[in-house]
Amino acid sequence: MAKGFGFQANKTLGYALVILPQVNGYVSKTVIDDGVEDEYIDITNVLEIARLWKTKKQAEKAVGQYLGYLLKEYDKGNLPEMKVIIRAISKDKNGTLQEKEVDVLKITVTDVDPRTRMNQK
């Protein structure tokens, strides 16, 4: 193989967010801009098309973009709890994607809903 091509095995490629842990649902890198202002979040269970953030800190910050979605799904009864898992993604020597859980963020309604924060003051 020519120098500079290939990949370094076991090096972290980035960090993925699992926002639907019960179905291993990753935030996808698919973006649809149909001009509608409604929130659209694409979720996949295929690791190869999951969106990756370069650092764990960027992934943690990105969780804020999905809090509204998580609250809606929780309110509908579709989620038993609001939890986001951050996983480090790497490739092994054969090029197979590997994932390792690095953090679990449990979110409470008071973290998300401004109405509950006002009642606590």
PDB file of N, CA and C in Angstrom:
ATOM      1  N   MET A   1       0.851  -1.174   0.000  1.00  0.00           N
ATOM      2  CA  MET A   1       0.000   0.000   0.000  1.00  0.00           C
ATOM      3  C   MET A   1       0.896   1.236   0.000  1.00  0.00           C
ATOM      4  N   ALA A   2       0.538   2.230  -0.749  1.00  0.00           N
ATOM      5  CA  ALA A   2       1.315   3.466  -0.837  1.00  0.00           C
ATOM      6  C   ALA A   2       1.279   4.210   0.487  1.00  0.00           C
ATOM      7  N   LYS A   3       2.351   4.901   0.755  1.00  0.00           N
ATOM      8  CA  LYS A   3       2.441   5.647   2.003  1.00  0.00           C
ATOM      9  C   LYS A   3       1.360   6.734   2.028  1.00  0.00           C
ATOM     10  N   GLY A   4       0.699   6.853   3.186  1.00  0.00           N
ATOM     11  CA  GLY A   4      -0.329   7.887   3.329  1.00  0.00           C
ATOM     12  C   GLY A   4      -1.738   7.381   3.077  1.00  0.00           C
ATOM     13  N   PHE A   5      -1.852   6.167   2.572  1.00  0.00           N
ATOM     14  CA  PHE A   5      -3.180   5.606   2.323  1.00  0.00           C
ATOM     15  C   PHE A   5      -3.517   4.606   3.417  1.00  0.00           C
ATOM     16  N   GLY A   6      -4.791   4.345   3.594  1.00  0.00           N
ATOM     17  CA  GLY A   6      -5.215   3.402   4.614  1.00  0.00           C
ATOM     18  C   GLY A   6      -5.674   4.128   5.858  1.00  0.00           C
ATOM     19  N   PHE A   7      -5.607   3.449   6.975  1.00  0.00           N
ATOM     20  CA  PHE A   7      -6.066   4.034   8.235  1.00  0.00           C
ATOM     21  C   PHE A   7      -5.238   3.451   9.371  1.00  0.00           C
ATOM     22  N   GLN A   8      -5.282   4.152  10.475  1.00  0.00           N
ATOM     23  CA  GLN A   8      -4.591   3.676  11.667  1.00  0.00           C
ATOM     24  C   GLN A   8      -5.588   2.883  12.503  1.00  0.00           C
ATOM     25  N   ALA A   9      -5.311   1.610  12.721  1.00  0.00           N
ATOM     26  CA  ALA A   9      -6.224   0.733  13.467  1.00  0.00           C
ATOM     27  C   ALA A   9      -6.386   1.210  14.903  1.00  0.00           C
ATOM     28  N   ASN A  10      -7.609   1.073  15.397  1.00  0.00           N
ATOM     29  CA  ASN A  10      -7.983   1.383  16.779  1.00  0.00           C
ATOM     30  C   ASN A  10      -7.881   2.859  17.145  1.00  0.00           C
ATOM     31  N   LYS A  11      -7.664   3.718  16.181  1.00  0.00           N
ATOM     32  CA  LYS A  11      -7.666   5.158  16.433  1.00  0.00           C
ATOM     33  C   LYS A  11      -9.124   5.632  16.409  1.00  0.00           C
ATOM     34  N   THR A  12      -9.489   6.480  17.366  1.00  0.00           N
ATOM     35  CA  THR A  12     -10.864   6.981  17.418  1.00  0.00           C
ATOM     36  C   THR A  12     -11.137   7.854  16.202  1.00  0.00           C
ATOM     37  N   LEU A  13     -12.182   7.493  15.454  1.00  0.00           N
ATOM     38  CA  LEU A  13     -12.589   8.255  14.280  1.00  0.00           C
ATOM     39  C   LEU A  13     -13.487   9.426  14.667  1.00  0.00           C
ATOM     40  N   GLY A  14     -14.226   9.252  15.750  1.00  0.00           N
ATOM     41  CA  GLY A  14     -15.155  10.275  16.204  1.00  0.00           C
ATOM     42  C   GLY A  14     -16.087   9.701  17.249  1.00  0.00           C
ATOM     43  N   TYR A  15     -17.089  10.508  17.596  1.00  0.00           N
ATOM     44  CA  TYR A  15     -18.022  10.138  18.649  1.00  0.00           C
ATOM     45  C   TYR A  15     -19.439  10.210  18.103  1.00  0.00           C
ATOM     46  N   ALA A  16     -20.210   9.155  18.357  1.00  0.00           N
ATOM     47  CA  ALA A  16     -21.590   9.067  17.881  1.00  0.00           C
ATOM     48  C   ALA A  16     -22.546   9.207  19.064  1.00  0.00           C
ATOM     49  N   LEU A  17     -23.732   9.754  18.779  1.00  0.00           N
ATOM     50  CA  LEU A  17     -24.778   9.877  19.785  1.00  0.00           C
ATOM     51  C   LEU A  17     -25.847   8.826  19.546  1.00  0.00           C
ATOM     52  N   VAL A  18     -26.139   8.068  20.568  1.00  0.00           N
ATOM     53  CA  VAL A  18     -27.255   7.114  20.523  1.00  0.00           C
ATOM     54  C   VAL A  18     -28.384   7.777  21.291  1.00  0.00           C
ATOM     55  N   ILE A  19     -29.409   8.275  20.562  1.00  0.00           N
ATOM     56  CA  ILE A  19     -30.497   8.981  21.247  1.00  0.00           C
ATOM     57  C   ILE A  19     -31.719   8.097  21.482  1.00  0.00           C
ATOM     58  N   LEU A  20     -31.731   6.935  20.874  1.00  0.00           N
ATOM     59  CA  LEU A  20     -32.779   5.947  21.139  1.00  0.00           C
ATOM     60  C   LEU A  20     -32.109   4.627  21.519  1.00  0.00           C
ATOM     61  N   PRO A  21     -31.620   4.533  22.771  1.00  0.00           N
ATOM     62  CA  PRO A  21     -30.862   3.347  23.180  1.00  0.00           C
ATOM     63  C   PRO A  21     -31.618   2.032  23.049  1.00  0.00           C
ATOM     64  N   GLN A  22     -32.942   2.045  23.229  1.00  0.00           N
ATOM     65  CA  GLN A  22     -33.689   0.788  23.183  1.00  0.00           C
ATOM     66  C   GLN A  22     -33.679   0.138  21.800  1.00  0.00           C
ATOM     67  N   VAL A  23     -33.383   0.907  20.746  1.00  0.00           N
ATOM     68  CA  VAL A  23     -33.284   0.338  19.390  1.00  0.00           C
ATOM     69  C   VAL A  23     -31.922   0.627  18.764  1.00  0.00           C
ATOM     70  N   ASN A  24     -30.956   1.031  19.590  1.00  0.00           N
ATOM     71  CA  ASN A  24     -29.616   1.382  19.115  1.00  0.00           C
ATOM     72  C   ASN A  24     -29.691   2.447  18.019  1.00  0.00           C
ATOM     73  N   GLY A  25     -30.485   3.479  18.263  1.00  0.00           N
ATOM     74  CA  GLY A  25     -30.728   4.529  17.275  1.00  0.00           C
ATOM     75  C   GLY A  25     -29.735   5.666  17.373  1.00  0.00           C
ATOM     76  N   TYR A  26     -28.861   5.743  16.365  1.00  0.00           N
ATOM     77  CA  TYR A  26     -27.863   6.800  16.274  1.00  0.00           C
ATOM     78  C   TYR A  26     -28.434   8.023  15.555  1.00  0.00           C
ATOM     79  N   VAL A  27     -27.905   9.195  15.864  1.00  0.00           N
ATOM     80  CA  VAL A  27     -28.189  10.366  15.050  1.00  0.00           C
ATOM     81  C   VAL A  27     -27.493  10.117  13.717  1.00  0.00           C
ATOM     82  N   SER A  28     -28.227  10.290  12.623  1.00  0.00           N
ATOM     83  CA  SER A  28     -27.694  10.023  11.290  1.00  0.00           C
ATOM     84  C   SER A  28     -27.075  11.274  10.701  1.00  0.00           C
ATOM     85  N   LYS A  29     -26.169  11.083   9.740  1.00  0.00           N
ATOM     86  CA  LYS A  29     -25.596  12.233   9.062  1.00  0.00           C
ATOM     87  C   LYS A  29     -26.444  12.689   7.879  1.00  0.00           C
ATOM     88  N   THR A  30     -27.568  12.038   7.653  1.00  0.00           N
ATOM     89  CA  THR A  30     -28.486  12.432   6.593  1.00  0.00           C
ATOM     90  C   THR A  30     -29.136  13.763   6.951  1.00  0.00           C
ATOM     91  N   VAL A  31     -29.157  14.691   6.002  1.00  0.00           N
ATOM     92  CA  VAL A  31     -29.789  15.986   6.220  1.00  0.00           C
ATOM     93  C   VAL A  31     -30.815  16.201   5.125  1.00  0.00           C
ATOM     94  N   ILE A  32     -32.022  16.557   5.526  1.00  0.00           N
ATOM     95  CA  ILE A  32     -33.076  16.849   4.557  1.00  0.00           C
ATOM     96  C   ILE A  32     -33.552  18.277   4.792  1.00  0.00           C
ATOM     97  N   ASP A  33     -33.403  19.097   3.789  1.00  0.00           N
ATOM     98  CA  ASP A  33     -33.881  20.474   3.879  1.00  0.00           C
ATOM     99  C   ASP A  33     -35.003  20.622   2.869  1.00  0.00           C
ATOM    100  N   ASP A  34     -36.228  20.426   3.343  1.00  0.00           N
ATOM    101  CA  ASP A  34     -37.375  20.515   2.449  1.00  0.00           C
ATOM    102  C   ASP A  34     -38.083  21.852   2.577  1.00  0.00           C
ATOM    103  N   GLY A  35     -37.455  22.801   3.257  1.00  0.00           N
ATOM    104  CA  GLY A  35     -38.038  24.130   3.401  1.00  0.00           C
ATOM    105  C   GLY A  35     -39.054  24.233   4.521  1.00  0.00           C
ATOM    106  N   VAL A  36     -39.425  23.137   5.111  1.00  0.00           N
ATOM    107  CA  VAL A  36     -40.385  23.144   6.206  1.00  0.00           C
ATOM    108  C   VAL A  36     -39.624  23.436   7.493  1.00  0.00           C
ATOM    109  N   GLU A  37     -40.202  24.295   8.325  1.00  0.00           N
ATOM    110  CA  GLU A  37     -39.498  24.686   9.531  1.00  0.00           C
ATOM    111  C   GLU A  37     -39.610  23.679  10.660  1.00  0.00           C
ATOM    112  N   ASP A  38     -40.398  22.625  10.491  1.00  0.00           N
ATOM    113  CA  ASP A  38     -40.512  21.606  11.531  1.00  0.00           C
ATOM    114  C   ASP A  38     -39.163  20.936  11.752  1.00  0.00           C
ATOM    115  N   GLU A  39     -38.947  20.550  12.984  1.00  0.00           N
ATOM    116  CA  GLU A  39     -37.716  19.866  13.345  1.00  0.00           C
ATOM    117  C   GLU A  39     -37.688  18.494  12.673  1.00  0.00           C
ATOM    118  N   TYR A  40     -36.577  18.164  12.044  1.00  0.00           N
ATOM    119  CA  TYR A  40     -36.417  16.862  11.416  1.00  0.00           C
ATOM    120  C   TYR A  40     -35.131  16.234  11.938  1.00  0.00           C
ATOM    121  N   ILE A  41     -35.239  15.075  12.505  1.00  0.00           N
ATOM    122  CA  ILE A  41     -34.075  14.365  13.015  1.00  0.00           C
ATOM    123  C   ILE A  41     -34.077  12.989  12.376  1.00  0.00           C
ATOM    124  N   ASP A  42     -32.996  12.673  11.700  1.00  0.00           N
ATOM    125  CA  ASP A  42     -32.872  11.366  11.078  1.00  0.00           C
ATOM    126  C   ASP A  42     -32.124  10.444  12.032  1.00  0.00           C
ATOM    127  N   ILE A  43     -32.686   9.289  12.263  1.00  0.00           N
ATOM    128  CA  ILE A  43     -32.117   8.315  13.192  1.00  0.00           C
ATOM    129  C   ILE A  43     -31.886   7.024  12.428  1.00  0.00           C
ATOM    130  N   THR A  44     -30.760   6.391  12.698  1.00  0.00           N
ATOM    131  CA  THR A  44     -30.420   5.141  12.028  1.00  0.00           C
ATOM    132  C   THR A  44     -29.873   4.145  13.033  1.00  0.00           C
ATOM    133  N   ASN A  45     -29.995   2.872  12.712  1.00  0.00           N
ATOM    134  CA  ASN A  45     -29.333   1.858  13.533  1.00  0.00           C
ATOM    135  C   ASN A  45     -28.137   1.264  12.784  1.00  0.00           C
ATOM    136  N   VAL A  46     -27.747   1.933  11.699  1.00  0.00           N
ATOM    137  CA  VAL A  46     -26.599   1.510  10.894  1.00  0.00           C
ATOM    138  C   VAL A  46     -25.409   2.400  11.258  1.00  0.00           C
ATOM    139  N   LEU A  47     -24.449   1.817  11.922  1.00  0.00           N
ATOM    140  CA  LEU A  47     -23.298   2.573  12.417  1.00  0.00           C
ATOM    141  C   LEU A  47     -22.553   3.302  11.296  1.00  0.00           C
ATOM    142  N   GLU A  48     -22.484   2.705  10.123  1.00  0.00           N
ATOM    143  CA  GLU A  48     -21.738   3.303   9.002  1.00  0.00           C
ATOM    144  C   GLU A  48     -22.295   4.659   8.557  1.00  0.00           C
ATOM    145  N   ILE A  49     -23.574   4.931   8.824  1.00  0.00           N
ATOM    146  CA  ILE A  49     -24.133   6.227   8.412  1.00  0.00           C
ATOM    147  C   ILE A  49     -24.476   7.121   9.596  1.00  0.00           C
ATOM    148  N   ALA A  50     -23.977   6.746  10.770  1.00  0.00           N
ATOM    149  CA  ALA A  50     -24.184   7.586  11.953  1.00  0.00           C
ATOM    150  C   ALA A  50     -23.333   8.844  11.823  1.00  0.00           C
ATOM    151  N   ARG A  51     -23.850   9.942  12.347  1.00  0.00           N
ATOM    152  CA  ARG A  51     -23.093  11.189  12.357  1.00  0.00           C
ATOM    153  C   ARG A  51     -22.030  11.101  13.444  1.00  0.00           C
ATOM    154  N   LEU A  52     -20.815  11.561  13.112  1.00  0.00           N
ATOM    155  CA  LEU A  52     -19.718  11.541  14.066  1.00  0.00           C
ATOM    156  C   LEU A  52     -19.249  12.960  14.366  1.00  0.00           C
ATOM    157  N   TRP A  53     -18.941  13.203  15.632  1.00  0.00           N
ATOM    158  CA  TRP A  53     -18.330  14.452  16.059  1.00  0.00           C
ATOM    159  C   TRP A  53     -16.868  14.152  16.343  1.00  0.00           C
ATOM    160  N   LYS A  54     -15.993  15.116  16.073  1.00  0.00           N
ATOM    161  CA  LYS A  54     -14.554  14.887  16.218  1.00  0.00           C
ATOM    162  C   LYS A  54     -14.124  14.654  17.660  1.00  0.00           C
ATOM    163  N   THR A  55     -14.727  15.371  18.597  1.00  0.00           N
ATOM    164  CA  THR A  55     -14.331  15.229  19.998  1.00  0.00           C
ATOM    165  C   THR A  55     -15.539  14.876  20.855  1.00  0.00           C
ATOM    166  N   LYS A  56     -15.265  14.312  22.015  1.00  0.00           N
ATOM    167  CA  LYS A  56     -16.336  13.979  22.952  1.00  0.00           C
ATOM    168  C   LYS A  56     -17.047  15.253  23.402  1.00  0.00           C
ATOM    169  N   LYS A  57     -16.295  16.312  23.581  1.00  0.00           N
ATOM    170  CA  LYS A  57     -16.877  17.585  24.013  1.00  0.00           C
ATOM    171  C   LYS A  57     -17.868  18.120  22.963  1.00  0.00           C
ATOM    172  N   GLN A  58     -17.531  18.004  21.682  1.00  0.00           N
ATOM    173  CA  GLN A  58     -18.449  18.422  20.620  1.00  0.00           C
ATOM    174  C   GLN A  58     -19.714  17.568  20.630  1.00  0.00           C
ATOM    175  N   ALA A  59     -19.561  16.276  20.871  1.00  0.00           N
ATOM    176  CA  ALA A  59     -20.715  15.375  20.935  1.00  0.00           C
ATOM    177  C   ALA A  59     -21.612  15.748  22.110  1.00  0.00           C
ATOM    178  N   GLU A  60     -20.996  16.025  23.262  1.00  0.00           N
ATOM    179  CA  GLU A  60     -21.779  16.428  24.440  1.00  0.00           C
ATOM    180  C   GLU A  60     -22.559  17.712  24.154  1.00  0.00           C
ATOM    181  N   LYS A  61     -21.911  18.663  23.510  1.00  0.00           N
ATOM    182  CA  LYS A  61     -22.570  19.935  23.189  1.00  0.00           C
ATOM    183  C   LYS A  61     -23.721  19.713  22.197  1.00  0.00           C
ATOM    184  N   ALA A  62     -23.546  18.791  21.273  1.00  0.00           N
ATOM    185  CA  ALA A  62     -24.565  18.518  20.251  1.00  0.00           C
ATOM    186  C   ALA A  62     -25.836  17.911  20.847  1.00  0.00           C
ATOM    187  N   VAL A  63     -25.740  17.301  22.014  1.00  0.00           N
ATOM    188  CA  VAL A  63     -26.922  16.698  22.655  1.00  0.00           C
ATOM    189  C   VAL A  63     -28.026  17.746  22.792  1.00  0.00           C
ATOM    190  N   GLY A  64     -27.656  18.992  23.045  1.00  0.00           N
ATOM    191  CA  GLY A  64     -28.636  20.064  23.190  1.00  0.00           C
ATOM    192  C   GLY A  64     -29.548  20.238  21.985  1.00  0.00           C
ATOM    193  N   GLN A  65     -29.054  19.905  20.805  1.00  0.00           N
ATOM    194  CA  GLN A  65     -29.858  20.018  19.583  1.00  0.00           C
ATOM    195  C   GLN A  65     -31.014  19.028  19.559  1.00  0.00           C
ATOM    196  N   TYR A  66     -30.926  17.973  20.359  1.00  0.00           N
ATOM    197  CA  TYR A  66     -31.905  16.898  20.312  1.00  0.00           C
ATOM    198  C   TYR A  66     -32.805  16.849  21.538  1.00  0.00           C
ATOM    199  N   LEU A  67     -32.648  17.793  22.461  1.00  0.00           N
ATOM    200  CA  LEU A  67     -33.444  17.771  23.685  1.00  0.00           C
ATOM    201  C   LEU A  67     -34.937  17.936  23.412  1.00  0.00           C
ATOM    202  N   GLY A  68     -35.300  18.810  22.496  1.00  0.00           N
ATOM    203  CA  GLY A  68     -36.710  19.002  22.155  1.00  0.00           C
ATOM    204  C   GLY A  68     -37.335  17.722  21.630  1.00  0.00           C
ATOM    205  N   TYR A  69     -36.632  17.037  20.758  1.00  0.00           N
ATOM    206  CA  TYR A  69     -37.107  15.768  20.211  1.00  0.00           C
ATOM    207  C   TYR A  69     -37.285  14.738  21.326  1.00  0.00           C
ATOM    208  N   LEU A  70     -36.279  14.628  22.190  1.00  0.00           N
ATOM    209  CA  LEU A  70     -36.353  13.654  23.287  1.00  0.00           C
ATOM    210  C   LEU A  70     -37.541  13.943  24.203  1.00  0.00           C
ATOM    211  N   LEU A  71     -37.768  15.215  24.510  1.00  0.00           N
ATOM    212  CA  LEU A  71     -38.889  15.584  25.378  1.00  0.00           C
ATOM    213  C   LEU A  71     -40.227  15.225  24.727  1.00  0.00           C
ATOM    214  N   LYS A  72     -40.360  15.503  23.423  1.00  0.00           N
ATOM    215  CA  LYS A  72     -41.608  15.155  22.718  1.00  0.00           C
ATOM    216  C   LYS A  72     -41.863  13.654  22.774  1.00  0.00           C
ATOM    217  N   GLU A  73     -40.848  12.885  22.478  1.00  0.00           N
ATOM    218  CA  GLU A  73     -40.997  11.420  22.480  1.00  0.00           C
ATOM    219  C   GLU A  73     -41.276  10.892  23.890  1.00  0.00           C
ATOM    220  N   TYR A  74     -40.659  11.488  24.886  1.00  0.00           N
ATOM    221  CA  TYR A  74     -40.888  11.095  26.281  1.00  0.00           C
ATOM    222  C   TYR A  74     -42.324  11.411  26.682  1.00  0.00           C
ATOM    223  N   ASP A  75     -42.791  12.617  26.323  1.00  0.00           N
ATOM    224  CA  ASP A  75     -44.165  13.026  26.641  1.00  0.00           C
ATOM    225  C   ASP A  75     -45.204  12.127  25.967  1.00  0.00           C
ATOM    226  N   LYS A  76     -44.900  11.652  24.766  1.00  0.00           N
ATOM    227  CA  LYS A  76     -45.816  10.750  24.044  1.00  0.00           C
ATOM    228  C   LYS A  76     -45.806   9.339  24.628  1.00  0.00           C
ATOM    229  N   GLY A  77     -44.858   9.068  25.518  1.00  0.00           N
ATOM    230  CA  GLY A  77     -44.746   7.727  26.087  1.00  0.00           C
ATOM    231  C   GLY A  77     -43.898   6.789  25.256  1.00  0.00           C
ATOM    232  N   ASN A  78     -43.197   7.323  24.269  1.00  0.00           N
ATOM    233  CA  ASN A  78     -42.368   6.489  23.397  1.00  0.00           C
ATOM    234  C   ASN A  78     -41.002   6.169  23.996  1.00  0.00           C
ATOM    235  N   LEU A  79     -40.605   6.894  25.026  1.00  0.00           N
ATOM    236  CA  LEU A  79     -39.321   6.659  25.682  1.00  0.00           C
ATOM    237  C   LEU A  79     -39.542   6.387  27.159  1.00  0.00           C
ATOM    238  N   PRO A  80     -38.965   5.325  27.701  1.00  0.00           N
ATOM    239  CA  PRO A  80     -39.101   5.063  29.131  1.00  0.00           C
ATOM    240  C   PRO A  80     -38.318   6.068  29.971  1.00  0.00           C
ATOM    241  N   GLU A  81     -37.238   6.608  29.398  1.00  0.00           N
ATOM    242  CA  GLU A  81     -36.430   7.635  30.048  1.00  0.00           C
ATOM    243  C   GLU A  81     -35.693   8.398  28.956  1.00  0.00           C
ATOM    244  N   MET A  82     -35.234   9.591  29.307  1.00  0.00           N
ATOM    245  CA  MET A  82     -34.460  10.373  28.349  1.00  0.00           C
ATOM    246  C   MET A  82     -32.986  10.131  28.661  1.00  0.00           C
ATOM    247  N   LYS A  83     -32.342   9.435  27.735  1.00  0.00           N
ATOM    248  CA  LYS A  83     -30.946   9.062  27.934  1.00  0.00           C
ATOM    249  C   LYS A  83     -30.238   9.124  26.588  1.00  0.00           C
ATOM    250  N   VAL A  84     -29.028   9.676  26.590  1.00  0.00           N
ATOM    251  CA  VAL A  84     -28.206   9.723  25.391  1.00  0.00           C
ATOM    252  C   VAL A  84     -26.887   9.042  25.723  1.00  0.00           C
ATOM    253  N   ILE A  85     -26.480   8.126  24.861  1.00  0.00           N
ATOM    254  CA  ILE A  85     -25.218   7.418  25.045  1.00  0.00           C
ATOM    255  C   ILE A  85     -24.210   7.972  24.032  1.00  0.00           C
ATOM    256  N   ILE A  86     -23.031   8.302  24.517  1.00  0.00           N
ATOM    257  CA  ILE A  86     -21.952   8.741  23.627  1.00  0.00           C
ATOM    258  C   ILE A  86     -21.009   7.561  23.452  1.00  0.00           C
ATOM    259  N   ARG A  87     -20.746   7.218  22.186  1.00  0.00           N
ATOM    260  CA  ARG A  87     -19.860   6.097  21.884  1.00  0.00           C
ATOM    261  C   ARG A  87     -18.686   6.570  21.027  1.00  0.00           C
ATOM    262  N   ALA A  88     -17.501   6.108  21.378  1.00  0.00           N
ATOM    263  CA  ALA A  88     -16.307   6.358  20.568  1.00  0.00           C
ATOM    264  C   ALA A  88     -16.293   5.323  19.445  1.00  0.00           C
ATOM    265  N   ILE A  89     -16.066   5.789  18.226  1.00  0.00           N
ATOM    266  CA  ILE A  89     -16.070   4.909  17.060  1.00  0.00           C
ATOM    267  C   ILE A  89     -14.642   4.812  16.525  1.00  0.00           C
ATOM    268  N   SER A  90     -14.218   3.577  16.267  1.00  0.00           N
ATOM    269  CA  SER A  90     -12.891   3.327  15.703  1.00  0.00           C
ATOM    270  C   SER A  90     -13.000   2.175  14.713  1.00  0.00           C
ATOM    271  N   LYS A  91     -11.881   1.880  14.040  1.00  0.00           N
ATOM    272  CA  LYS A  91     -11.821   0.724  13.142  1.00  0.00           C
ATOM    273  C   LYS A  91     -10.748  -0.221  13.642  1.00  0.00           C
ATOM    274  N   ASP A  92     -11.037  -1.509  13.541  1.00  0.00           N
ATOM    275  CA  ASP A  92     -10.006  -2.486  13.900  1.00  0.00           C
ATOM    276  C   ASP A  92      -9.064  -2.684  12.713  1.00  0.00           C
ATOM    277  N   LYS A  93      -8.100  -3.567  12.852  1.00  0.00           N
ATOM    278  CA  LYS A  93      -7.086  -3.753  11.796  1.00  0.00           C
ATOM    279  C   LYS A  93      -7.683  -4.262  10.489  1.00  0.00           C
ATOM    280  N   ASN A  94      -8.891  -4.846  10.547  1.00  0.00           N
ATOM    281  CA  ASN A  94      -9.563  -5.340   9.338  1.00  0.00           C
ATOM    282  C   ASN A  94     -10.482  -4.294   8.703  1.00  0.00           C
ATOM    283  N   GLY A  95     -10.555  -3.118   9.332  1.00  0.00           N
ATOM    284  CA  GLY A  95     -11.403  -2.057   8.803  1.00  0.00           C
ATOM    285  C   GLY A  95     -12.840  -2.104   9.291  1.00  0.00           C
ATOM    286  N   THR A  96     -13.134  -2.990  10.235  1.00  0.00           N
ATOM    287  CA  THR A  96     -14.478  -3.100  10.785  1.00  0.00           C
ATOM    288  C   THR A  96     -14.695  -2.033  11.853  1.00  0.00           C
ATOM    289  N   LEU A  97     -15.819  -1.341  11.782  1.00  0.00           N
ATOM    290  CA  LEU A  97     -16.116  -0.317  12.774  1.00  0.00           C
ATOM    291  C   LEU A  97     -16.349  -0.946  14.139  1.00  0.00           C
ATOM    292  N   GLN A  98     -15.775  -0.330  15.149  1.00  0.00           N
ATOM    293  CA  GLN A  98     -15.916  -0.751  16.533  1.00  0.00           C
ATOM    294  C   GLN A  98     -16.499   0.410  17.321  1.00  0.00           C
ATOM    295  N   GLU A  99     -17.236   0.110  18.369  1.00  0.00           N
ATOM    296  CA  GLU A  99     -17.799   1.164  19.201  1.00  0.00           C
ATOM    297  C   GLU A  99     -17.564   0.858  20.665  1.00  0.00           C
ATOM    298  N   LYS A 100     -17.339   1.919  21.425  1.00  0.00           N
ATOM    299  CA  LYS A 100     -17.104   1.764  22.856  1.00  0.00           C
ATOM    300  C   LYS A 100     -17.863   2.874  23.573  1.00  0.00           C
ATOM    301  N   GLU A 101     -18.692   2.480  24.509  1.00  0.00           N
ATOM    302  CA  GLU A 101     -19.461   3.454  25.286  1.00  0.00           C
ATOM    303  C   GLU A 101     -18.504   4.271  26.154  1.00  0.00           C
ATOM    304  N   VAL A 102     -18.596   5.604  26.028  1.00  0.00           N
ATOM    305  CA  VAL A 102     -17.721   6.461  26.826  1.00  0.00           C
ATOM    306  C   VAL A 102     -18.484   7.327  27.824  1.00  0.00           C
ATOM    307  N   ASP A 103     -19.789   7.492  27.614  1.00  0.00           N
ATOM    308  CA  ASP A 103     -20.574   8.300  28.549  1.00  0.00           C
ATOM    309  C   ASP A 103     -22.058   8.013  28.357  1.00  0.00           C
ATOM    310  N   VAL A 104     -22.804   8.140  29.446  1.00  0.00           N
ATOM    311  CA  VAL A 104     -24.259   8.027  29.413  1.00  0.00           C
ATOM    312  C   VAL A 104     -24.806   9.282  30.073  1.00  0.00           C
ATOM    313  N   LEU A 105     -25.598  10.032  29.322  1.00  0.00           N
ATOM    314  CA  LEU A 105     -26.189  11.261  29.838  1.00  0.00           C
ATOM    315  C   LEU A 105     -27.669  11.012  30.103  1.00  0.00           C
ATOM    316  N   LYS A 106     -28.036  11.021  31.370  1.00  0.00           N
ATOM    317  CA  LYS A 106     -29.450  10.868  31.731  1.00  0.00           C
ATOM    318  C   LYS A 106     -30.027  12.262  31.892  1.00  0.00           C
ATOM    319  N   ILE A 107     -31.113  12.503  31.180  1.00  0.00           N
ATOM    320  CA  ILE A 107     -31.710  13.830  31.126  1.00  0.00           C
ATOM    321  C   ILE A 107     -33.049  13.789  31.839  1.00  0.00           C
ATOM    322  N   THR A 108     -33.264  14.743  32.718  1.00  0.00           N
ATOM    323  CA  THR A 108     -34.542  14.827  33.415  1.00  0.00           C
ATOM    324  C   THR A 108     -35.399  15.894  32.753  1.00  0.00           C
ATOM    325  N   VAL A 109     -36.689  15.838  33.025  1.00  0.00           N
ATOM    326  CA  VAL A 109     -37.613  16.822  32.454  1.00  0.00           C
ATOM    327  C   VAL A 109     -37.210  18.232  32.885  1.00  0.00           C
ATOM    328  N   THR A 110     -36.718  18.381  34.091  1.00  0.00           N
ATOM    329  CA  THR A 110     -36.324  19.711  34.552  1.00  0.00           C
ATOM    330  C   THR A 110     -35.105  20.237  33.802  1.00  0.00           C
ATOM    331  N   ASP A 111     -34.315  19.361  33.208  1.00  0.00           N
ATOM    332  CA  ASP A 111     -33.190  19.797  32.379  1.00  0.00           C
ATOM    333  C   ASP A 111     -33.666  20.391  31.062  1.00  0.00           C
ATOM    334  N   VAL A 112     -34.821  19.946  30.593  1.00  0.00           N
ATOM    335  CA  VAL A 112     -35.280  20.254  29.248  1.00  0.00           C
ATOM    336  C   VAL A 112     -36.408  21.276  29.207  1.00  0.00           C
ATOM    337  N   ASP A 113     -37.395  21.125  30.070  1.00  0.00           N
ATOM    338  CA  ASP A 113     -38.627  21.908  29.997  1.00  0.00           C
ATOM    339  C   ASP A 113     -38.508  23.178  30.842  1.00  0.00           C
ATOM    340  N   PRO A 114     -38.506  24.352  30.205  1.00  0.00           N
ATOM    341  CA  PRO A 114     -38.358  25.604  30.955  1.00  0.00           C
ATOM    342  C   PRO A 114     -39.495  25.844  31.948  1.00  0.00           C
ATOM    343  N   ARG A 115     -40.667  25.287  31.705  1.00  0.00           N
ATOM    344  CA  ARG A 115     -41.792  25.482  32.629  1.00  0.00           C
ATOM    345  C   ARG A 115     -41.501  24.862  33.991  1.00  0.00           C
ATOM    346  N   THR A 116     -40.825  23.708  34.004  1.00  0.00           N
ATOM    347  CA  THR A 116     -40.519  23.060  35.277  1.00  0.00           C
ATOM    348  C   THR A 116     -39.408  23.788  36.002  1.00  0.00           C
ATOM    349  N   ARG A 117     -38.514  24.428  35.272  1.00  0.00           N
ATOM    350  CA  ARG A 117     -37.446  25.184  35.903  1.00  0.00           C
ATOM    351  C   ARG A 117     -38.014  26.409  36.631  1.00  0.00           C
ATOM    352  N   MET A 118     -39.015  27.046  36.033  1.00  0.00           N
ATOM    353  CA  MET A 118     -39.622  28.233  36.644  1.00  0.00           C
ATOM    354  C   MET A 118     -40.319  27.858  37.955  1.00  0.00           C
ATOM    355  N   ASN A 119     -40.929  26.687  38.001  1.00  0.00           N
ATOM    356  CA  ASN A 119     -41.627  26.248  39.211  1.00  0.00           C
ATOM    357  C   ASN A 119     -40.671  25.935  40.356  1.00  0.00           C
ATOM    358  N   GLN A 120     -39.429  25.639  40.032  1.00  0.00           N
ATOM    359  CA  GLN A 120     -38.471  25.280  41.067  1.00  0.00           C
ATOM    360  C   GLN A 120     -37.802  26.490  41.699  1.00  0.00           C
ATOM    361  N   LYS A 121     -37.956  27.659  41.112  1.00  0.00           N
ATOM    362  CA  LYS A 121     -37.278  28.857  41.644  1.00  0.00           C
ATOM    363  C   LYS A 121     -37.959  29.387  42.864  1.00  0.00           C
TER     364      LYS A 121
END
